[in-house]
């Protein structure tokens, strides 16, 4: 049995080939594509009200809507982004102005908004969220709750620059 020993010359030649291939784009790391933007969901814009006020909470609270906002491509977390939330709750319909409110993301791209308990509308307990400022493309989400007894719901946005 013969073994092909790796000599220093073979290691340097092999390593140089890998570096050259990487520089020409032949080897592409799995993360090179980046993060795709979040598409708007069907029904997400239902009862949307442009310019809903930024609020500390909607109604009496008791239900926590949370999420993160990142930039498409590099996935950087985005602070200071306006997220609007509305839903059918124990205190009102999703079409009611007082059922709408907006919040700004923190520096780490997270947001949280206390609102009344979400209850089923059209058979499903769900919320509506929107990113609707000018720096990125508008996105509407309509996440459905696993159970109408849940007291939290999380939704993430990945935004595409305009």
N, C-alpha and C. Protein backbone atom coordinates (compact mmCIF):
# COMPACT_ATOMS: atom_id res chain seq x y z
N UNK A 1 0.83 -1.18 0.00
CA UNK A 1 0.00 0.00 0.00
C UNK A 1 0.87 1.24 0.00
N UNK A 2 0.54 2.18 -0.84
CA UNK A 2 1.28 3.44 -0.87
C UNK A 2 0.37 4.57 -0.42
N UNK A 3 0.95 5.49 0.28
CA UNK A 3 0.22 6.67 0.74
C UNK A 3 0.79 7.89 0.05
N UNK A 4 -0.10 8.76 -0.41
CA UNK A 4 0.33 10.01 -1.01
C UNK A 4 0.44 11.02 0.12
N UNK A 5 1.60 11.28 0.57
CA UNK A 5 1.80 12.21 1.68
C UNK A 5 1.64 13.64 1.19
N UNK A 6 0.99 14.44 2.00
CA UNK A 6 0.86 15.85 1.67
C UNK A 6 2.17 16.55 2.01
N UNK A 7 2.80 17.01 0.97
CA UNK A 7 4.02 17.77 1.20
C UNK A 7 3.66 19.23 1.38
N UNK A 8 4.60 19.98 1.86
CA UNK A 8 4.36 21.41 2.03
C UNK A 8 3.98 22.05 0.71
N UNK A 9 4.62 21.64 -0.37
CA UNK A 9 4.35 22.19 -1.70
C UNK A 9 2.90 21.90 -2.11
N UNK A 10 2.43 20.67 -1.87
CA UNK A 10 1.06 20.31 -2.23
C UNK A 10 0.05 21.12 -1.43
N UNK A 11 0.32 21.31 -0.15
CA UNK A 11 -0.59 22.09 0.69
C UNK A 11 -0.66 23.53 0.20
N UNK A 12 0.49 24.13 -0.10
CA UNK A 12 0.50 25.51 -0.59
C UNK A 12 -0.18 25.63 -1.94
N UNK A 13 0.04 24.67 -2.83
CA UNK A 13 -0.59 24.71 -4.14
C UNK A 13 -2.10 24.56 -4.02
N UNK A 14 -2.57 23.61 -3.21
CA UNK A 14 -3.99 23.39 -3.00
C UNK A 14 -4.63 24.63 -2.38
N UNK A 15 -4.01 25.17 -1.36
CA UNK A 15 -4.54 26.36 -0.70
C UNK A 15 -4.61 27.55 -1.63
N UNK A 16 -3.60 27.74 -2.45
CA UNK A 16 -3.60 28.83 -3.43
C UNK A 16 -4.73 28.69 -4.44
N UNK A 17 -5.00 27.44 -4.83
CA UNK A 17 -6.10 27.19 -5.77
C UNK A 17 -7.46 27.53 -5.17
N UNK A 18 -7.64 27.21 -3.90
CA UNK A 18 -8.90 27.52 -3.24
C UNK A 18 -9.08 29.03 -3.12
N UNK A 19 -8.03 29.75 -2.75
CA UNK A 19 -8.10 31.20 -2.65
C UNK A 19 -8.41 31.82 -4.00
N UNK A 20 -7.75 31.33 -5.07
CA UNK A 20 -7.99 31.86 -6.41
C UNK A 20 -9.42 31.58 -6.85
N UNK A 21 -9.92 30.38 -6.58
CA UNK A 21 -11.29 30.04 -6.96
C UNK A 21 -12.28 30.93 -6.22
N UNK A 22 -12.03 31.18 -4.93
CA UNK A 22 -12.91 32.05 -4.16
C UNK A 22 -12.91 33.46 -4.71
N UNK A 23 -11.76 33.97 -5.13
CA UNK A 23 -11.66 35.32 -5.66
C UNK A 23 -12.39 35.46 -6.99
N UNK A 24 -12.51 34.36 -7.73
CA UNK A 24 -13.19 34.44 -9.02
C UNK A 24 -14.68 34.16 -8.91
N UNK A 25 -15.14 33.84 -7.70
CA UNK A 25 -16.56 33.62 -7.50
C UNK A 25 -17.01 32.18 -7.69
N UNK A 26 -16.08 31.27 -7.91
CA UNK A 26 -16.45 29.87 -8.09
C UNK A 26 -16.98 29.28 -6.79
N UNK A 27 -16.37 29.63 -5.68
CA UNK A 27 -16.84 29.16 -4.39
C UNK A 27 -17.66 30.27 -3.77
N UNK A 28 -18.93 29.99 -3.49
CA UNK A 28 -19.83 30.99 -2.93
C UNK A 28 -20.32 30.49 -1.59
N UNK A 29 -20.08 31.23 -0.53
CA UNK A 29 -20.57 30.77 0.77
C UNK A 29 -22.09 30.76 0.81
N UNK A 30 -22.65 29.93 1.67
CA UNK A 30 -24.10 29.77 1.76
C UNK A 30 -24.81 31.07 2.12
N UNK A 31 -24.13 31.98 2.80
CA UNK A 31 -24.77 33.22 3.24
C UNK A 31 -24.61 34.37 2.24
N UNK A 32 -24.02 34.11 1.08
CA UNK A 32 -23.75 35.19 0.14
C UNK A 32 -25.02 35.84 -0.39
N UNK A 33 -26.11 35.09 -0.53
CA UNK A 33 -27.35 35.65 -1.04
C UNK A 33 -27.97 36.64 -0.07
N UNK A 34 -27.77 36.44 1.19
CA UNK A 34 -28.34 37.32 2.19
C UNK A 34 -29.75 36.90 2.56
N UNK A 35 -30.47 37.81 3.15
CA UNK A 35 -31.81 37.54 3.65
C UNK A 35 -32.83 38.18 2.73
N UNK A 36 -33.79 37.38 2.29
CA UNK A 36 -34.84 37.87 1.39
C UNK A 36 -35.84 38.74 2.14
N UNK A 37 -36.43 39.73 1.45
CA UNK A 37 -37.45 40.58 2.11
C UNK A 37 -38.72 39.78 2.40
N UNK A 38 -39.45 40.23 3.39
CA UNK A 38 -40.73 39.62 3.75
C UNK A 38 -41.78 40.08 2.73
N UNK A 39 -42.49 39.14 2.11
CA UNK A 39 -43.57 39.55 1.21
C UNK A 39 -44.82 39.92 2.00
N UNK A 40 -45.63 40.82 1.46
CA UNK A 40 -46.91 41.14 2.09
C UNK A 40 -47.80 39.91 2.04
N UNK A 41 -48.60 39.74 3.10
CA UNK A 41 -49.51 38.60 3.18
C UNK A 41 -50.89 38.98 2.66
N UNK A 42 -51.54 38.03 2.04
CA UNK A 42 -52.90 38.23 1.56
C UNK A 42 -53.80 38.61 2.74
N UNK A 43 -54.59 39.65 2.59
CA UNK A 43 -55.49 40.09 3.64
C UNK A 43 -54.82 40.95 4.70
N UNK A 44 -53.52 41.14 4.59
CA UNK A 44 -52.81 41.92 5.60
C UNK A 44 -53.21 43.38 5.67
N UNK A 45 -53.60 43.96 4.53
CA UNK A 45 -53.93 45.38 4.48
C UNK A 45 -55.39 45.67 4.83
N UNK A 46 -56.18 44.63 5.10
CA UNK A 46 -57.59 44.85 5.45
C UNK A 46 -57.72 45.80 6.63
N UNK A 47 -58.56 46.82 6.48
CA UNK A 47 -58.84 47.81 7.52
C UNK A 47 -57.63 48.65 7.92
N UNK A 48 -56.62 48.72 7.06
CA UNK A 48 -55.43 49.54 7.30
C UNK A 48 -55.82 51.02 7.37
N UNK A 49 -55.23 51.75 8.30
CA UNK A 49 -55.46 53.19 8.45
C UNK A 49 -54.11 53.90 8.38
N UNK A 50 -53.80 54.55 7.26
CA UNK A 50 -52.53 55.27 7.16
C UNK A 50 -52.38 56.28 8.29
N UNK A 51 -51.20 56.36 8.83
CA UNK A 51 -50.90 57.36 9.84
C UNK A 51 -51.47 57.10 11.22
N UNK A 52 -51.73 55.85 11.56
CA UNK A 52 -52.21 55.57 12.93
C UNK A 52 -51.20 56.13 13.92
N UNK A 53 -51.67 56.70 15.02
CA UNK A 53 -50.76 57.36 15.96
C UNK A 53 -49.83 56.38 16.68
N UNK A 54 -48.65 56.88 17.03
CA UNK A 54 -47.73 56.11 17.87
C UNK A 54 -48.27 56.17 19.29
N UNK A 55 -48.42 55.00 19.90
CA UNK A 55 -49.04 54.90 21.22
C UNK A 55 -48.19 54.05 22.16
N UNK A 56 -48.41 54.22 23.45
CA UNK A 56 -47.76 53.39 24.46
C UNK A 56 -48.39 52.00 24.51
N UNK A 57 -49.72 51.97 24.32
CA UNK A 57 -50.47 50.72 24.24
C UNK A 57 -51.80 51.03 23.57
N UNK A 58 -52.46 49.96 23.11
CA UNK A 58 -53.79 50.09 22.52
C UNK A 58 -54.79 49.65 23.58
N UNK A 59 -55.77 50.49 23.87
CA UNK A 59 -56.80 50.15 24.85
C UNK A 59 -56.21 49.85 26.22
N UNK A 60 -56.82 48.87 26.89
CA UNK A 60 -56.39 48.52 28.25
C UNK A 60 -55.23 47.54 28.29
N UNK A 61 -54.85 47.00 27.14
CA UNK A 61 -53.72 46.08 27.09
C UNK A 61 -54.08 44.68 27.55
N UNK A 62 -53.05 43.89 27.85
CA UNK A 62 -53.24 42.52 28.30
C UNK A 62 -52.77 41.47 27.31
N UNK A 63 -52.47 41.88 26.09
CA UNK A 63 -51.97 41.00 25.04
C UNK A 63 -50.71 41.66 24.49
N UNK A 64 -49.64 40.90 24.26
CA UNK A 64 -48.39 41.50 23.81
C UNK A 64 -48.05 41.09 22.39
N UNK A 65 -47.99 42.07 21.50
CA UNK A 65 -47.56 41.88 20.11
C UNK A 65 -46.08 42.23 20.04
N UNK A 66 -45.24 41.32 19.58
CA UNK A 66 -43.79 41.55 19.52
C UNK A 66 -43.26 41.20 18.14
N UNK A 67 -42.03 41.63 17.87
CA UNK A 67 -41.39 41.27 16.61
C UNK A 67 -40.04 41.92 16.46
N UNK A 68 -39.43 41.66 15.31
CA UNK A 68 -38.16 42.27 14.96
C UNK A 68 -38.26 42.83 13.54
N UNK A 69 -37.41 43.81 13.27
CA UNK A 69 -37.36 44.41 11.94
C UNK A 69 -35.90 44.43 11.51
N UNK A 70 -35.66 43.81 10.33
CA UNK A 70 -34.30 43.75 9.79
C UNK A 70 -34.30 44.20 8.33
N UNK A 71 -33.12 44.52 7.84
CA UNK A 71 -32.96 44.94 6.45
C UNK A 71 -32.68 43.72 5.58
N UNK A 72 -33.34 43.65 4.42
CA UNK A 72 -33.08 42.57 3.47
C UNK A 72 -31.62 42.65 3.02
N UNK A 73 -31.06 41.52 2.68
CA UNK A 73 -29.68 41.46 2.24
C UNK A 73 -28.75 41.10 3.38
N UNK A 74 -28.40 42.10 4.18
CA UNK A 74 -27.43 41.86 5.26
C UNK A 74 -28.07 41.48 6.59
N UNK A 75 -29.37 41.61 6.72
CA UNK A 75 -30.05 41.21 7.95
C UNK A 75 -29.84 42.15 9.13
N UNK A 76 -29.31 43.34 8.87
CA UNK A 76 -29.06 44.28 9.96
C UNK A 76 -30.38 44.65 10.65
N UNK A 77 -30.34 44.68 11.97
CA UNK A 77 -31.53 45.07 12.74
C UNK A 77 -31.71 46.58 12.62
N UNK A 78 -32.98 46.99 12.47
CA UNK A 78 -33.29 48.40 12.18
C UNK A 78 -34.03 49.06 13.33
N UNK A 79 -33.39 50.04 13.94
CA UNK A 79 -34.02 50.82 14.99
C UNK A 79 -34.79 51.98 14.40
N UNK A 80 -35.77 52.48 15.15
CA UNK A 80 -36.52 53.66 14.75
C UNK A 80 -37.51 53.44 13.62
N UNK A 81 -37.89 52.20 13.36
CA UNK A 81 -38.84 51.92 12.28
C UNK A 81 -40.26 51.86 12.84
N UNK A 82 -41.20 52.42 12.09
CA UNK A 82 -42.60 52.52 12.52
C UNK A 82 -43.36 51.26 12.11
N UNK A 83 -43.95 50.59 13.10
CA UNK A 83 -44.78 49.40 12.87
C UNK A 83 -46.18 49.69 13.39
N UNK A 84 -47.17 49.53 12.52
CA UNK A 84 -48.56 49.71 12.91
C UNK A 84 -49.18 48.34 13.21
N UNK A 85 -50.03 48.29 14.25
CA UNK A 85 -50.70 47.06 14.67
C UNK A 85 -52.19 47.34 14.82
N UNK A 86 -53.03 46.39 14.37
CA UNK A 86 -54.46 46.47 14.60
C UNK A 86 -55.04 45.06 14.57
N UNK A 87 -56.17 44.90 15.26
CA UNK A 87 -56.79 43.57 15.35
C UNK A 87 -58.21 43.67 15.88
N UNK A 88 -58.92 42.58 15.74
CA UNK A 88 -60.25 42.41 16.35
C UNK A 88 -59.98 41.94 17.78
N UNK A 89 -60.41 42.72 18.77
CA UNK A 89 -60.07 42.41 20.16
C UNK A 89 -61.32 42.40 21.04
N UNK A 90 -61.11 42.12 22.30
CA UNK A 90 -62.22 42.16 23.26
C UNK A 90 -62.75 43.58 23.44
N UNK A 91 -62.01 44.58 22.95
CA UNK A 91 -62.43 45.98 23.11
C UNK A 91 -62.94 46.62 21.82
N UNK A 92 -62.79 45.96 20.68
CA UNK A 92 -63.26 46.59 19.45
C UNK A 92 -62.89 45.82 18.20
N UNK A 93 -63.46 46.28 17.09
CA UNK A 93 -63.23 45.65 15.80
C UNK A 93 -61.95 46.19 15.16
N UNK A 94 -61.39 45.43 14.24
CA UNK A 94 -60.17 45.89 13.58
C UNK A 94 -60.41 47.10 12.69
N UNK A 95 -61.66 47.40 12.38
CA UNK A 95 -61.97 48.59 11.58
C UNK A 95 -62.09 49.86 12.44
N UNK A 96 -62.18 49.70 13.76
CA UNK A 96 -62.31 50.86 14.67
C UNK A 96 -60.98 51.60 14.79
N UNK A 97 -61.02 52.93 14.70
CA UNK A 97 -59.78 53.71 14.84
C UNK A 97 -59.04 53.42 16.16
N UNK A 98 -59.81 53.20 17.25
CA UNK A 98 -59.17 52.96 18.54
C UNK A 98 -58.55 51.56 18.66
N UNK A 99 -58.74 50.72 17.65
CA UNK A 99 -58.11 49.40 17.62
C UNK A 99 -56.78 49.43 16.88
N UNK A 100 -56.36 50.62 16.44
CA UNK A 100 -55.11 50.80 15.70
C UNK A 100 -54.11 51.58 16.54
N UNK A 101 -52.85 51.24 16.39
CA UNK A 101 -51.78 52.00 17.03
C UNK A 101 -50.46 51.63 16.39
N UNK A 102 -49.48 52.47 16.56
CA UNK A 102 -48.15 52.22 16.00
C UNK A 102 -47.11 52.36 17.09
N UNK A 103 -45.96 51.74 16.85
CA UNK A 103 -44.83 51.80 17.76
C UNK A 103 -43.56 51.91 16.94
N UNK A 104 -42.49 52.32 17.57
CA UNK A 104 -41.18 52.40 16.91
C UNK A 104 -40.28 51.29 17.43
N UNK A 105 -39.47 50.74 16.54
CA UNK A 105 -38.53 49.71 16.98
C UNK A 105 -37.41 50.33 17.81
N UNK A 106 -36.92 49.54 18.76
CA UNK A 106 -35.76 49.94 19.56
C UNK A 106 -34.50 49.84 18.70
N UNK A 107 -33.38 50.28 19.23
CA UNK A 107 -32.11 50.24 18.48
C UNK A 107 -31.76 48.84 18.00
N UNK A 108 -32.16 47.81 18.74
CA UNK A 108 -31.83 46.43 18.36
C UNK A 108 -32.85 45.85 17.37
N UNK A 109 -33.76 46.69 16.86
CA UNK A 109 -34.73 46.25 15.87
C UNK A 109 -35.95 45.55 16.42
N UNK A 110 -36.10 45.48 17.72
CA UNK A 110 -37.26 44.81 18.30
C UNK A 110 -38.38 45.81 18.58
N UNK A 111 -39.60 45.29 18.62
CA UNK A 111 -40.73 46.11 19.03
C UNK A 111 -41.66 45.27 19.89
N UNK A 112 -42.44 45.96 20.70
CA UNK A 112 -43.46 45.33 21.54
C UNK A 112 -44.57 46.35 21.73
N UNK A 113 -45.80 45.88 21.61
CA UNK A 113 -46.94 46.76 21.82
C UNK A 113 -48.00 45.99 22.59
N UNK A 114 -48.37 46.55 23.74
CA UNK A 114 -49.41 45.99 24.59
C UNK A 114 -50.76 46.41 24.01
N UNK A 115 -51.67 45.45 23.90
CA UNK A 115 -52.97 45.71 23.30
C UNK A 115 -54.00 44.79 23.94
N UNK A 116 -55.30 44.99 23.69
CA UNK A 116 -56.31 44.09 24.25
C UNK A 116 -56.19 42.68 23.65
N UNK A 117 -56.73 41.70 24.36
CA UNK A 117 -56.73 40.32 23.89
C UNK A 117 -57.36 40.22 22.50
N UNK A 118 -56.65 39.56 21.59
CA UNK A 118 -57.17 39.32 20.25
C UNK A 118 -58.17 38.17 20.31
N UNK A 119 -59.30 38.34 19.64
CA UNK A 119 -60.34 37.30 19.58
C UNK A 119 -60.59 36.94 18.12
N UNK A 120 -61.16 35.77 17.86
CA UNK A 120 -61.38 35.34 16.48
C UNK A 120 -62.29 36.28 15.70
N UNK A 121 -61.93 36.51 14.47
CA UNK A 121 -62.77 37.22 13.50
C UNK A 121 -62.72 36.38 12.24
N UNK A 122 -63.86 36.04 11.70
CA UNK A 122 -63.95 35.18 10.52
C UNK A 122 -63.30 33.81 10.79
N UNK A 123 -63.48 33.32 12.02
CA UNK A 123 -62.99 31.99 12.37
C UNK A 123 -61.57 31.90 12.88
N UNK A 124 -60.77 32.95 12.74
CA UNK A 124 -59.37 32.90 13.14
C UNK A 124 -59.01 34.09 14.02
N UNK A 125 -58.26 33.79 15.08
CA UNK A 125 -57.68 34.89 15.86
C UNK A 125 -56.40 35.31 15.14
N UNK A 126 -56.32 36.58 14.76
CA UNK A 126 -55.17 37.07 14.00
C UNK A 126 -54.96 38.56 14.25
N UNK A 127 -53.78 39.00 13.91
CA UNK A 127 -53.45 40.42 14.00
C UNK A 127 -53.08 40.93 12.62
N UNK A 128 -53.04 42.24 12.49
CA UNK A 128 -52.56 42.88 11.28
C UNK A 128 -51.40 43.78 11.68
N UNK A 129 -50.35 43.76 10.90
CA UNK A 129 -49.20 44.63 11.14
C UNK A 129 -48.76 45.23 9.82
N UNK A 130 -48.21 46.43 9.88
CA UNK A 130 -47.72 47.07 8.67
C UNK A 130 -46.46 47.86 8.96
N UNK A 131 -45.50 47.76 8.04
CA UNK A 131 -44.41 48.72 7.98
C UNK A 131 -44.84 49.66 6.87
N UNK A 132 -44.94 50.95 7.15
CA UNK A 132 -45.50 51.85 6.15
C UNK A 132 -44.79 53.20 6.08
N UNK A 133 -43.49 53.19 6.28
CA UNK A 133 -42.73 54.44 6.15
C UNK A 133 -42.09 54.49 4.77
N UNK A 134 -41.30 55.51 4.52
CA UNK A 134 -40.80 55.75 3.16
C UNK A 134 -39.44 55.15 2.86
N UNK A 135 -38.67 54.76 3.84
CA UNK A 135 -37.31 54.29 3.62
C UNK A 135 -37.26 52.89 2.99
N UNK A 136 -38.30 52.07 3.26
CA UNK A 136 -38.37 50.71 2.76
C UNK A 136 -39.72 50.47 2.12
N UNK A 137 -39.84 49.39 1.34
CA UNK A 137 -41.12 49.04 0.73
C UNK A 137 -42.13 48.67 1.80
N UNK A 138 -43.39 49.04 1.58
CA UNK A 138 -44.48 48.73 2.51
C UNK A 138 -44.69 47.22 2.57
N UNK A 139 -44.92 46.72 3.80
CA UNK A 139 -45.19 45.29 4.00
C UNK A 139 -46.38 45.17 4.96
N UNK A 140 -47.35 44.35 4.59
CA UNK A 140 -48.50 44.06 5.44
C UNK A 140 -48.45 42.58 5.85
N UNK A 141 -48.61 42.33 7.14
CA UNK A 141 -48.63 40.96 7.66
C UNK A 141 -49.96 40.67 8.32
N UNK A 142 -50.34 39.40 8.30
CA UNK A 142 -51.57 38.94 8.95
C UNK A 142 -51.29 37.59 9.62
N UNK A 143 -50.50 37.60 10.70
CA UNK A 143 -50.20 36.33 11.36
C UNK A 143 -51.41 35.80 12.13
N UNK A 144 -51.60 34.49 12.06
CA UNK A 144 -52.70 33.81 12.72
C UNK A 144 -52.17 33.20 14.01
N UNK A 145 -52.96 33.30 15.06
CA UNK A 145 -52.57 32.74 16.35
C UNK A 145 -52.81 31.23 16.36
N UNK A 146 -51.96 30.50 17.07
CA UNK A 146 -52.14 29.06 17.21
C UNK A 146 -53.41 28.76 17.99
N UNK A 147 -53.71 29.59 18.98
CA UNK A 147 -54.90 29.42 19.81
C UNK A 147 -55.44 30.80 20.18
N UNK A 148 -56.74 30.92 20.24
CA UNK A 148 -57.33 32.21 20.62
C UNK A 148 -57.11 32.50 22.10
N UNK A 149 -56.54 31.54 22.84
CA UNK A 149 -56.22 31.76 24.25
C UNK A 149 -54.79 32.28 24.45
N UNK A 150 -53.98 32.31 23.37
CA UNK A 150 -52.62 32.84 23.47
C UNK A 150 -52.68 34.30 23.89
N UNK A 151 -51.69 34.73 24.64
CA UNK A 151 -51.65 36.13 25.09
C UNK A 151 -50.47 36.89 24.48
N UNK A 152 -49.79 36.25 23.52
CA UNK A 152 -48.70 36.91 22.79
C UNK A 152 -48.73 36.44 21.34
N UNK A 153 -48.18 37.26 20.48
CA UNK A 153 -48.00 36.91 19.07
C UNK A 153 -46.75 37.63 18.59
N UNK A 154 -45.93 36.93 17.81
CA UNK A 154 -44.65 37.47 17.34
C UNK A 154 -44.67 37.52 15.81
N UNK A 155 -44.20 38.62 15.24
CA UNK A 155 -44.13 38.77 13.78
C UNK A 155 -42.84 39.50 13.42
N UNK A 156 -42.12 38.97 12.45
CA UNK A 156 -40.85 39.56 12.02
C UNK A 156 -40.99 40.17 10.63
N UNK A 157 -40.32 41.28 10.43
CA UNK A 157 -40.25 41.95 9.13
C UNK A 157 -38.81 41.95 8.63
N UNK A 158 -38.62 41.68 7.35
CA UNK A 158 -37.35 41.89 6.67
C UNK A 158 -37.68 42.85 5.54
N UNK A 159 -37.15 44.05 5.61
CA UNK A 159 -37.57 45.14 4.72
C UNK A 159 -36.59 45.38 3.57
N UNK A 160 -37.15 45.65 2.41
CA UNK A 160 -36.36 45.93 1.20
C UNK A 160 -36.29 47.46 1.02
N UNK A 161 -35.08 48.00 0.92
CA UNK A 161 -34.97 49.44 0.69
C UNK A 161 -35.68 49.85 -0.59
N UNK A 162 -36.23 51.07 -0.60
CA UNK A 162 -36.95 51.59 -1.77
C UNK A 162 -35.95 51.93 -2.85
